[in-house]
Amino acid sequence: SELFAPSAIQSIVKKAMVERMSSVYHINRFAEDGDE
């Protein structure tokens, strides 16, 4: 594949998930103290 750096892929996926959750839950910081 064109994308081949696992650590960069990991951080971009996390960032995009946070962005999506922020837009729905209308919060900028997530406590992340719940279930895994």
PDB file of all heavy atoms in Angstrom:
ATOM      1  N   SER A   1       0.829  -1.213   0.000  1.00  0.00           N
ATOM      2  CA  SER A   1       0.000   0.000   0.000  1.00  0.00           C
ATOM      3  C   SER A   1       0.857   1.254   0.000  1.00  0.00           C
ATOM      4  O   SER A   1       2.025   1.219   0.387  1.00  0.00           O
ATOM      5  CB  SER A   1      -0.896   0.011   1.247  1.00  0.00           C
ATOM      6  OG  SER A   1      -1.742  -1.122   1.244  1.00  0.00           O
ATOM      7  N   GLU A   2       0.244   2.349  -0.436  1.00  0.00           N
ATOM      8  CA  GLU A   2       0.935   3.649  -0.432  1.00  0.00           C
ATOM      9  C   GLU A   2       1.256   4.074   1.005  1.00  0.00           C
ATOM     10  O   GLU A   2       2.284   4.680   1.266  1.00  0.00           O
ATOM     11  CB  GLU A   2       0.054   4.726  -1.088  1.00  0.00           C
ATOM     12  CG  GLU A   2      -0.198   4.525  -2.575  1.00  0.00           C
ATOM     13  CD  GLU A   2       1.035   4.790  -3.428  1.00  0.00           C
ATOM     14  OE1 GLU A   2       1.777   5.738  -3.141  1.00  0.00           O
ATOM     15  OE2 GLU A   2       1.263   4.009  -4.381  1.00  0.00           O
ATOM     16  N   LEU A   3       0.333   3.805   1.924  1.00  0.00           N
ATOM     17  CA  LEU A   3       0.548   4.162   3.337  1.00  0.00           C
ATOM     18  C   LEU A   3       1.243   3.000   4.028  1.00  0.00           C
ATOM     19  O   LEU A   3       0.741   1.887   4.014  1.00  0.00           O
ATOM     20  CB  LEU A   3      -0.797   4.451   4.018  1.00  0.00           C
ATOM     21  CG  LEU A   3      -1.621   5.584   3.405  1.00  0.00           C
ATOM     22  CD1 LEU A   3      -2.968   5.698   4.102  1.00  0.00           C
ATOM     23  CD2 LEU A   3      -0.875   6.915   3.504  1.00  0.00           C
ATOM     24  N   PHE A   4       2.417   3.288   4.625  1.00  0.00           N
ATOM     25  CA  PHE A   4       3.152   2.153   5.190  1.00  0.00           C
ATOM     26  C   PHE A   4       3.782   2.431   6.554  1.00  0.00           C
ATOM     27  O   PHE A   4       4.478   1.584   7.086  1.00  0.00           O
ATOM     28  CB  PHE A   4       4.236   1.680   4.206  1.00  0.00           C
ATOM     29  CG  PHE A   4       5.195   2.771   3.802  1.00  0.00           C
ATOM     30  CD1 PHE A   4       6.266   3.100   4.600  1.00  0.00           C
ATOM     31  CD2 PHE A   4       4.993   3.469   2.616  1.00  0.00           C
ATOM     32  CE1 PHE A   4       7.144   4.114   4.229  1.00  0.00           C
ATOM     33  CE2 PHE A   4       5.863   4.481   2.237  1.00  0.00           C
ATOM     34  CZ  PHE A   4       6.939   4.805   3.051  1.00  0.00           C
ATOM     35  N   ALA A   5       3.541   3.612   7.150  1.00  0.00           N
ATOM     36  CA  ALA A   5       4.158   3.905   8.450  1.00  0.00           C
ATOM     37  C   ALA A   5       3.142   3.653   9.564  1.00  0.00           C
ATOM     38  O   ALA A   5       2.272   4.488   9.812  1.00  0.00           O
ATOM     39  CB  ALA A   5       4.632   5.356   8.475  1.00  0.00           C
ATOM     40  N   PRO A   6       3.226   2.506  10.284  1.00  0.00           N
ATOM     41  CA  PRO A   6       2.204   2.157  11.272  1.00  0.00           C
ATOM     42  C   PRO A   6       1.955   3.232  12.338  1.00  0.00           C
ATOM     43  O   PRO A   6       0.804   3.529  12.649  1.00  0.00           O
ATOM     44  CB  PRO A   6       2.730   0.869  11.909  1.00  0.00           C
ATOM     45  CG  PRO A   6       3.578   0.254  10.845  1.00  0.00           C
ATOM     46  CD  PRO A   6       4.206   1.411  10.124  1.00  0.00           C
ATOM     47  N   SER A   7       3.028   3.860  12.844  1.00  0.00           N
ATOM     48  CA  SER A   7       2.805   4.832  13.935  1.00  0.00           C
ATOM     49  C   SER A   7       2.059   6.070  13.430  1.00  0.00           C
ATOM     50  O   SER A   7       1.190   6.618  14.119  1.00  0.00           O
ATOM     51  CB  SER A   7       4.121   5.216  14.608  1.00  0.00           C
ATOM     52  OG  SER A   7       4.998   5.751  13.654  1.00  0.00           O
ATOM     53  N   ALA A   8       2.362   6.508  12.193  1.00  0.00           N
ATOM     54  CA  ALA A   8       1.643   7.657  11.611  1.00  0.00           C
ATOM     55  C   ALA A   8       0.183   7.295  11.357  1.00  0.00           C
ATOM     56  O   ALA A   8      -0.731   8.085  11.628  1.00  0.00           O
ATOM     57  CB  ALA A   8       2.313   8.084  10.310  1.00  0.00           C
ATOM     58  N   ILE A   9      -0.050   6.075  10.866  1.00  0.00           N
ATOM     59  CA  ILE A   9      -1.420   5.606  10.621  1.00  0.00           C
ATOM     60  C   ILE A   9      -2.200   5.606  11.934  1.00  0.00           C
ATOM     61  O   ILE A   9      -3.329   6.104  12.012  1.00  0.00           O
ATOM     62  CB  ILE A   9      -1.407   4.192   9.988  1.00  0.00           C
ATOM     63  CG1 ILE A   9      -0.842   4.263   8.559  1.00  0.00           C
ATOM     64  CG2 ILE A   9      -2.808   3.566   9.981  1.00  0.00           C
ATOM     65  CD1 ILE A   9      -0.409   2.927   7.981  1.00  0.00           C
ATOM     66  N   GLN A  10      -1.562   5.079  12.999  1.00  0.00           N
ATOM     67  CA  GLN A  10      -2.224   5.014  14.302  1.00  0.00           C
ATOM     68  C   GLN A  10      -2.640   6.403  14.789  1.00  0.00           C
ATOM     69  O   GLN A  10      -3.771   6.608  15.238  1.00  0.00           O
ATOM     70  CB  GLN A  10      -1.303   4.347  15.336  1.00  0.00           C
ATOM     71  CG  GLN A  10      -1.243   2.835  15.175  1.00  0.00           C
ATOM     72  CD  GLN A  10      -0.164   2.197  16.036  1.00  0.00           C
ATOM     73  OE1 GLN A  10       1.020   2.320  15.756  1.00  0.00           O
ATOM     74  NE2 GLN A  10      -0.576   1.508  17.078  1.00  0.00           N
ATOM     75  N   SER A  11      -1.730   7.372  14.677  1.00  0.00           N
ATOM     76  CA  SER A  11      -2.061   8.698  15.227  1.00  0.00           C
ATOM     77  C   SER A  11      -3.120   9.412  14.385  1.00  0.00           C
ATOM     78  O   SER A  11      -3.988  10.107  14.913  1.00  0.00           O
ATOM     79  CB  SER A  11      -0.802   9.557  15.420  1.00  0.00           C
ATOM     80  OG  SER A  11      -0.289   9.962  14.196  1.00  0.00           O
ATOM     81  N   ILE A  12      -3.118   9.205  13.063  1.00  0.00           N
ATOM     82  CA  ILE A  12      -4.133   9.849  12.208  1.00  0.00           C
ATOM     83  C   ILE A  12      -5.512   9.250  12.452  1.00  0.00           C
ATOM     84  O   ILE A  12      -6.506   9.968  12.520  1.00  0.00           O
ATOM     85  CB  ILE A  12      -3.705   9.780  10.716  1.00  0.00           C
ATOM     86  CG1 ILE A  12      -2.658  10.871  10.488  1.00  0.00           C
ATOM     87  CG2 ILE A  12      -4.886   9.987   9.770  1.00  0.00           C
ATOM     88  CD1 ILE A  12      -1.838  10.716   9.276  1.00  0.00           C
ATOM     89  N   VAL A  13      -5.571   7.929  12.616  1.00  0.00           N
ATOM     90  CA  VAL A  13      -6.859   7.274  12.893  1.00  0.00           C
ATOM     91  C   VAL A  13      -7.425   7.790  14.219  1.00  0.00           C
ATOM     92  O   VAL A  13      -8.598   8.155  14.305  1.00  0.00           O
ATOM     93  CB  VAL A  13      -6.704   5.729  12.905  1.00  0.00           C
ATOM     94  CG1 VAL A  13      -7.973   5.053  13.422  1.00  0.00           C
ATOM     95  CG2 VAL A  13      -6.369   5.218  11.498  1.00  0.00           C
ATOM     96  N   LYS A  14      -6.589   7.871  15.228  1.00  0.00           N
ATOM     97  CA  LYS A  14      -7.047   8.373  16.541  1.00  0.00           C
ATOM     98  C   LYS A  14      -7.552   9.815  16.423  1.00  0.00           C
ATOM     99  O   LYS A  14      -8.624  10.177  16.922  1.00  0.00           O
ATOM    100  CB  LYS A  14      -5.893   8.277  17.552  1.00  0.00           C
ATOM    101  CG  LYS A  14      -6.111   8.992  18.869  1.00  0.00           C
ATOM    102  CD  LYS A  14      -6.951   8.184  19.843  1.00  0.00           C
ATOM    103  CE  LYS A  14      -7.162   8.984  21.129  1.00  0.00           C
ATOM    104  NZ  LYS A  14      -7.656   8.218  22.243  1.00  0.00           N
ATOM    105  N   LYS A  15      -6.780  10.644  15.721  1.00  0.00           N
ATOM    106  CA  LYS A  15      -7.135  12.060  15.555  1.00  0.00           C
ATOM    107  C   LYS A  15      -8.492  12.209  14.853  1.00  0.00           C
ATOM    108  O   LYS A  15      -9.348  12.996  15.265  1.00  0.00           O
ATOM    109  CB  LYS A  15      -6.032  12.739  14.724  1.00  0.00           C
ATOM    110  CG  LYS A  15      -6.066  14.248  14.750  1.00  0.00           C
ATOM    111  CD  LYS A  15      -4.847  14.798  14.018  1.00  0.00           C
ATOM    112  CE  LYS A  15      -5.048  16.265  13.697  1.00  0.00           C
ATOM    113  NZ  LYS A  15      -4.044  16.766  12.767  1.00  0.00           N
ATOM    114  N   ALA A  16      -8.709  11.396  13.798  1.00  0.00           N
ATOM    115  CA  ALA A  16      -9.973  11.459  13.050  1.00  0.00           C
ATOM    116  C   ALA A  16     -11.147  10.976  13.907  1.00  0.00           C
ATOM    117  O   ALA A  16     -12.251  11.529  13.846  1.00  0.00           O
ATOM    118  CB  ALA A  16      -9.867  10.619  11.781  1.00  0.00           C
ATOM    119  N   MET A  17     -10.898   9.967  14.753  1.00  0.00           N
ATOM    120  CA  MET A  17     -11.955   9.481  15.654  1.00  0.00           C
ATOM    121  C   MET A  17     -12.337  10.566  16.666  1.00  0.00           C
ATOM    122  O   MET A  17     -13.520  10.798  16.926  1.00  0.00           O
ATOM    123  CB  MET A  17     -11.489   8.211  16.386  1.00  0.00           C
ATOM    124  CG  MET A  17     -11.425   6.974  15.513  1.00  0.00           C
ATOM    125  SD  MET A  17     -10.809   5.524  16.420  1.00  0.00           S
ATOM    126  CE  MET A  17     -12.239   5.132  17.450  1.00  0.00           C
ATOM    127  N   VAL A  18     -11.333  11.226  17.222  1.00  0.00           N
ATOM    128  CA  VAL A  18     -11.581  12.304  18.198  1.00  0.00           C
ATOM    129  C   VAL A  18     -12.394  13.418  17.539  1.00  0.00           C
ATOM    130  O   VAL A  18     -13.369  13.926  18.110  1.00  0.00           O
ATOM    131  CB  VAL A  18     -10.245  12.856  18.766  1.00  0.00           C
ATOM    132  CG1 VAL A  18     -10.468  14.150  19.555  1.00  0.00           C
ATOM    133  CG2 VAL A  18      -9.570  11.813  19.654  1.00  0.00           C
ATOM    134  N   GLU A  19     -12.012  13.769  16.315  1.00  0.00           N
ATOM    135  CA  GLU A  19     -12.702  14.833  15.580  1.00  0.00           C
ATOM    136  C   GLU A  19     -14.179  14.478  15.367  1.00  0.00           C
ATOM    137  O   GLU A  19     -15.068  15.309  15.576  1.00  0.00           O
ATOM    138  CB  GLU A  19     -11.991  15.027  14.236  1.00  0.00           C
ATOM    139  CG  GLU A  19     -12.365  16.273  13.476  1.00  0.00           C
ATOM    140  CD  GLU A  19     -11.964  17.563  14.183  1.00  0.00           C
ATOM    141  OE1 GLU A  19     -10.925  17.582  14.875  1.00  0.00           O
ATOM    142  OE2 GLU A  19     -12.715  18.540  14.047  1.00  0.00           O
ATOM    143  N   ARG A  20     -14.423  13.244  14.976  1.00  0.00           N
ATOM    144  CA  ARG A  20     -15.800  12.789  14.753  1.00  0.00           C
ATOM    145  C   ARG A  20     -16.612  12.833  16.063  1.00  0.00           C
ATOM    146  O   ARG A  20     -17.734  13.329  16.104  1.00  0.00           O
ATOM    147  CB  ARG A  20     -15.771  11.348  14.211  1.00  0.00           C
ATOM    148  CG  ARG A  20     -17.139  10.653  14.162  1.00  0.00           C
ATOM    149  CD  ARG A  20     -17.960  11.110  12.992  1.00  0.00           C
ATOM    150  NE  ARG A  20     -19.337  10.648  13.061  1.00  0.00           N
ATOM    151  CZ  ARG A  20     -20.108  10.459  12.002  1.00  0.00           C
ATOM    152  NH1 ARG A  20     -19.628  10.692  10.797  1.00  0.00           N
ATOM    153  NH2 ARG A  20     -21.351  10.071  12.136  1.00  0.00           N
ATOM    154  N   MET A  21     -16.010  12.301  17.137  1.00  0.00           N
ATOM    155  CA  MET A  21     -16.703  12.256  18.432  1.00  0.00           C
ATOM    156  C   MET A  21     -16.947  13.677  18.963  1.00  0.00           C
ATOM    157  O   MET A  21     -17.995  13.970  19.529  1.00  0.00           O
ATOM    158  CB  MET A  21     -15.876  11.448  19.440  1.00  0.00           C
ATOM    159  CG  MET A  21     -15.645  10.010  19.016  1.00  0.00           C
ATOM    160  SD  MET A  21     -16.923   8.882  19.549  1.00  0.00           S
ATOM    161  CE  MET A  21     -16.505   8.706  21.263  1.00  0.00           C
ATOM    162  N   SER A  22     -15.985  14.567  18.747  1.00  0.00           N
ATOM    163  CA  SER A  22     -16.132  15.972  19.202  1.00  0.00           C
ATOM    164  C   SER A  22     -17.322  16.631  18.519  1.00  0.00           C
ATOM    165  O   SER A  22     -18.107  17.347  19.147  1.00  0.00           O
ATOM    166  CB  SER A  22     -14.889  16.795  18.861  1.00  0.00           C
ATOM    167  OG  SER A  22     -13.794  16.354  19.591  1.00  0.00           O
ATOM    168  N   SER A  23     -17.448  16.375  17.218  1.00  0.00           N
ATOM    169  CA  SER A  23     -18.516  17.037  16.464  1.00  0.00           C
ATOM    170  C   SER A  23     -19.898  16.538  16.894  1.00  0.00           C
ATOM    171  O   SER A  23     -20.888  17.252  16.810  1.00  0.00           O
ATOM    172  CB  SER A  23     -18.320  16.838  14.960  1.00  0.00           C
ATOM    173  OG  SER A  23     -18.502  15.477  14.633  1.00  0.00           O
ATOM    174  N   VAL A  24     -19.959  15.305  17.391  1.00  0.00           N
ATOM    175  CA  VAL A  24     -21.248  14.738  17.795  1.00  0.00           C
ATOM    176  C   VAL A  24     -21.553  15.065  19.263  1.00  0.00           C
ATOM    177  O   VAL A  24     -22.658  15.474  19.607  1.00  0.00           O
ATOM    178  CB  VAL A  24     -21.262  13.195  17.584  1.00  0.00           C
ATOM    179  CG1 VAL A  24     -22.547  12.589  18.136  1.00  0.00           C
ATOM    180  CG2 VAL A  24     -21.116  12.863  16.105  1.00  0.00           C
ATOM    181  N   TYR A  25     -20.550  14.882  20.129  1.00  0.00           N
ATOM    182  CA  TYR A  25     -20.768  15.077  21.571  1.00  0.00           C
ATOM    183  C   TYR A  25     -20.552  16.538  22.015  1.00  0.00           C
ATOM    184  O   TYR A  25     -20.791  16.882  23.167  1.00  0.00           O
ATOM    185  CB  TYR A  25     -19.860  14.139  22.377  1.00  0.00           C
ATOM    186  CG  TYR A  25     -20.299  12.683  22.347  1.00  0.00           C
ATOM    187  CD1 TYR A  25     -19.471  11.689  21.826  1.00  0.00           C
ATOM    188  CD2 TYR A  25     -21.544  12.306  22.829  1.00  0.00           C
ATOM    189  CE1 TYR A  25     -19.868  10.354  21.789  1.00  0.00           C
ATOM    190  CE2 TYR A  25     -21.957  10.973  22.806  1.00  0.00           C
ATOM    191  CZ  TYR A  25     -21.121  10.007  22.284  1.00  0.00           C
ATOM    192  OH  TYR A  25     -21.513   8.680  22.257  1.00  0.00           O
ATOM    193  N   HIS A  26     -20.060  17.367  21.071  1.00  0.00           N
ATOM    194  CA  HIS A  26     -19.828  18.811  21.339  1.00  0.00           C
ATOM    195  C   HIS A  26     -18.911  19.040  22.549  1.00  0.00           C
ATOM    196  O   HIS A  26     -19.193  19.868  23.406  1.00  0.00           O
ATOM    197  CB  HIS A  26     -21.157  19.564  21.527  1.00  0.00           C
ATOM    198  CG  HIS A  26     -22.110  19.317  20.396  1.00  0.00           C
ATOM    199  ND1 HIS A  26     -21.823  19.685  19.090  1.00  0.00           N
ATOM    200  CD2 HIS A  26     -23.315  18.680  20.349  1.00  0.00           C
ATOM    201  CE1 HIS A  26     -22.820  19.312  18.290  1.00  0.00           C
ATOM    202  NE2 HIS A  26     -23.734  18.698  19.038  1.00  0.00           N
ATOM    203  N   ILE A  27     -17.837  18.245  22.612  1.00  0.00           N
ATOM    204  CA  ILE A  27     -16.795  18.495  23.621  1.00  0.00           C
ATOM    205  C   ILE A  27     -15.446  18.371  22.922  1.00  0.00           C
ATOM    206  O   ILE A  27     -15.301  17.622  21.952  1.00  0.00           O
ATOM    207  CB  ILE A  27     -16.863  17.515  24.820  1.00  0.00           C
ATOM    208  CG1 ILE A  27     -17.017  16.052  24.358  1.00  0.00           C
ATOM    209  CG2 ILE A  27     -17.953  17.877  25.810  1.00  0.00           C
ATOM    210  CD1 ILE A  27     -16.941  15.039  25.486  1.00  0.00           C
ATOM    211  N   ASN A  28     -14.480  19.124  23.443  1.00  0.00           N
ATOM    212  CA  ASN A  28     -13.157  19.102  22.813  1.00  0.00           C
ATOM    213  C   ASN A  28     -12.184  18.154  23.501  1.00  0.00           C
ATOM    214  O   ASN A  28     -11.243  17.670  22.891  1.00  0.00           O
ATOM    215  CB  ASN A  28     -12.554  20.512  22.782  1.00  0.00           C
ATOM    216  CG  ASN A  28     -13.340  21.394  21.825  1.00  0.00           C
ATOM    217  OD1 ASN A  28     -13.789  20.925  20.782  1.00  0.00           O
ATOM    218  ND2 ASN A  28     -13.544  22.653  22.197  1.00  0.00           N
ATOM    219  N   ARG A  29     -12.415  17.938  24.795  1.00  0.00           N
ATOM    220  CA  ARG A  29     -11.506  17.030  25.517  1.00  0.00           C
ATOM    221  C   ARG A  29     -12.303  15.826  26.027  1.00  0.00           C
ATOM    222  O   ARG A  29     -13.366  15.978  26.602  1.00  0.00           O
ATOM    223  CB  ARG A  29     -10.855  17.740  26.705  1.00  0.00           C
ATOM    224  CG  ARG A  29      -9.779  18.731  26.284  1.00  0.00           C
ATOM    225  CD  ARG A  29      -9.014  19.239  27.492  1.00  0.00           C
ATOM    226  NE  ARG A  29      -8.224  18.191  28.145  1.00  0.00           N
ATOM    227  CZ  ARG A  29      -7.032  17.781  27.711  1.00  0.00           C
ATOM    228  NH1 ARG A  29      -6.499  18.313  26.627  1.00  0.00           N
ATOM    229  NH2 ARG A  29      -6.372  16.839  28.342  1.00  0.00           N
ATOM    230  N   PHE A  30     -11.761  14.634  25.799  1.00  0.00           N
ATOM    231  CA  PHE A  30     -12.435  13.414  26.251  1.00  0.00           C
ATOM    232  C   PHE A  30     -11.722  12.871  27.491  1.00  0.00           C
ATOM    233  O   PHE A  30     -10.502  12.729  27.500  1.00  0.00           O
ATOM    234  CB  PHE A  30     -12.426  12.355  25.139  1.00  0.00           C
ATOM    235  CG  PHE A  30     -13.345  12.693  24.009  1.00  0.00           C
ATOM    236  CD1 PHE A  30     -12.885  13.425  22.921  1.00  0.00           C
ATOM    237  CD2 PHE A  30     -14.680  12.316  24.043  1.00  0.00           C
ATOM    238  CE1 PHE A  30     -13.737  13.763  21.885  1.00  0.00           C
ATOM    239  CE2 PHE A  30     -15.540  12.656  22.999  1.00  0.00           C
ATOM    240  CZ  PHE A  30     -15.076  13.376  21.927  1.00  0.00           C
ATOM    241  N   ALA A  31     -12.502  12.582  28.521  1.00  0.00           N
ATOM    242  CA  ALA A  31     -11.910  12.067  29.772  1.00  0.00           C
ATOM    243  C   ALA A  31     -11.274  10.688  29.539  1.00  0.00           C
ATOM    244  O   ALA A  31     -10.258  10.350  30.138  1.00  0.00           O
ATOM    245  CB  ALA A  31     -12.988  11.964  30.842  1.00  0.00           C
ATOM    246  N   GLU A  32     -11.872   9.895  28.665  1.00  0.00           N
ATOM    247  CA  GLU A  32     -11.400   8.532  28.372  1.00  0.00           C
ATOM    248  C   GLU A  32     -11.189   7.722  29.656  1.00  0.00           C
ATOM    249  O   GLU A  32     -10.190   7.022  29.814  1.00  0.00           O
ATOM    250  CB  GLU A  32     -10.118   8.556  27.519  1.00  0.00           C
ATOM    251  CG  GLU A  32     -10.359   9.128  26.121  1.00  0.00           C
ATOM    252  CD  GLU A  32      -9.348   8.651  25.081  1.00  0.00           C
ATOM    253  OE1 GLU A  32      -8.985   7.467  25.108  1.00  0.00           O
ATOM    254  OE2 GLU A  32      -8.944   9.477  24.249  1.00  0.00           O
ATOM    255  N   ASP A  33     -12.125   7.829  30.583  1.00  0.00           N
ATOM    256  CA  ASP A  33     -12.013   7.087  31.838  1.00  0.00           C
ATOM    257  C   ASP A  33     -13.061   5.966  31.927  1.00  0.00           C
ATOM    258  O   ASP A  33     -13.334   5.429  32.988  1.00  0.00           O
ATOM    259  CB  ASP A  33     -12.155   8.038  33.039  1.00  0.00           C
ATOM    260  CG  ASP A  33     -13.444   8.858  32.988  1.00  0.00           C
ATOM    261  OD1 ASP A  33     -14.248   8.646  32.048  1.00  0.00           O
ATOM    262  OD2 ASP A  33     -13.644   9.713  33.871  1.00  0.00           O
ATOM    263  N   GLY A  34     -13.659   5.632  30.760  1.00  0.00           N
ATOM    264  CA  GLY A  34     -14.691   4.586  30.735  1.00  0.00           C
ATOM    265  C   GLY A  34     -14.140   3.256  30.246  1.00  0.00           C
ATOM    266  O   GLY A  34     -12.949   2.960  30.410  1.00  0.00           O
ATOM    267  N   ASP A  35     -14.997   2.472  29.628  1.00  0.00           N
ATOM    268  CA  ASP A  35     -14.606   1.137  29.154  1.00  0.00           C
ATOM    269  C   ASP A  35     -13.699   1.224  27.923  1.00  0.00           C
ATOM    270  O   ASP A  35     -13.687   2.218  27.211  1.00  0.00           O
ATOM    271  CB  ASP A  35     -15.864   0.319  28.832  1.00  0.00           C
ATOM    272  CG  ASP A  35     -16.666   0.051  30.097  1.00  0.00           C
ATOM    273  OD1 ASP A  35     -16.048  -0.312  31.108  1.00  0.00           O
ATOM    274  OD2 ASP A  35     -17.901   0.241  30.080  1.00  0.00           O
ATOM    275  N   GLU A  36     -12.975   0.129  27.690  1.00  0.00           N
ATOM    276  CA  GLU A  36     -11.955   0.110  26.632  1.00  0.00           C
ATOM    277  C   GLU A  36     -12.549  -0.284  25.279  1.00  0.00           C
ATOM    278  O   GLU A  36     -13.346  -1.211  25.189  1.00  0.00           O
ATOM    279  CB  GLU A  36     -10.856  -0.889  27.004  1.00  0.00           C
ATOM    280  CG  GLU A  36     -10.107  -0.492  28.266  1.00  0.00           C
ATOM    281  CD  GLU A  36      -8.934  -1.440  28.563  1.00  0.00           C
ATOM    282  OE1 GLU A  36      -8.829  -2.499  27.904  1.00  0.00           O
ATOM    283  OE2 GLU A  36      -8.132  -1.091  29.447  1.00  0.00           O
TER     284      GLU A  36
END
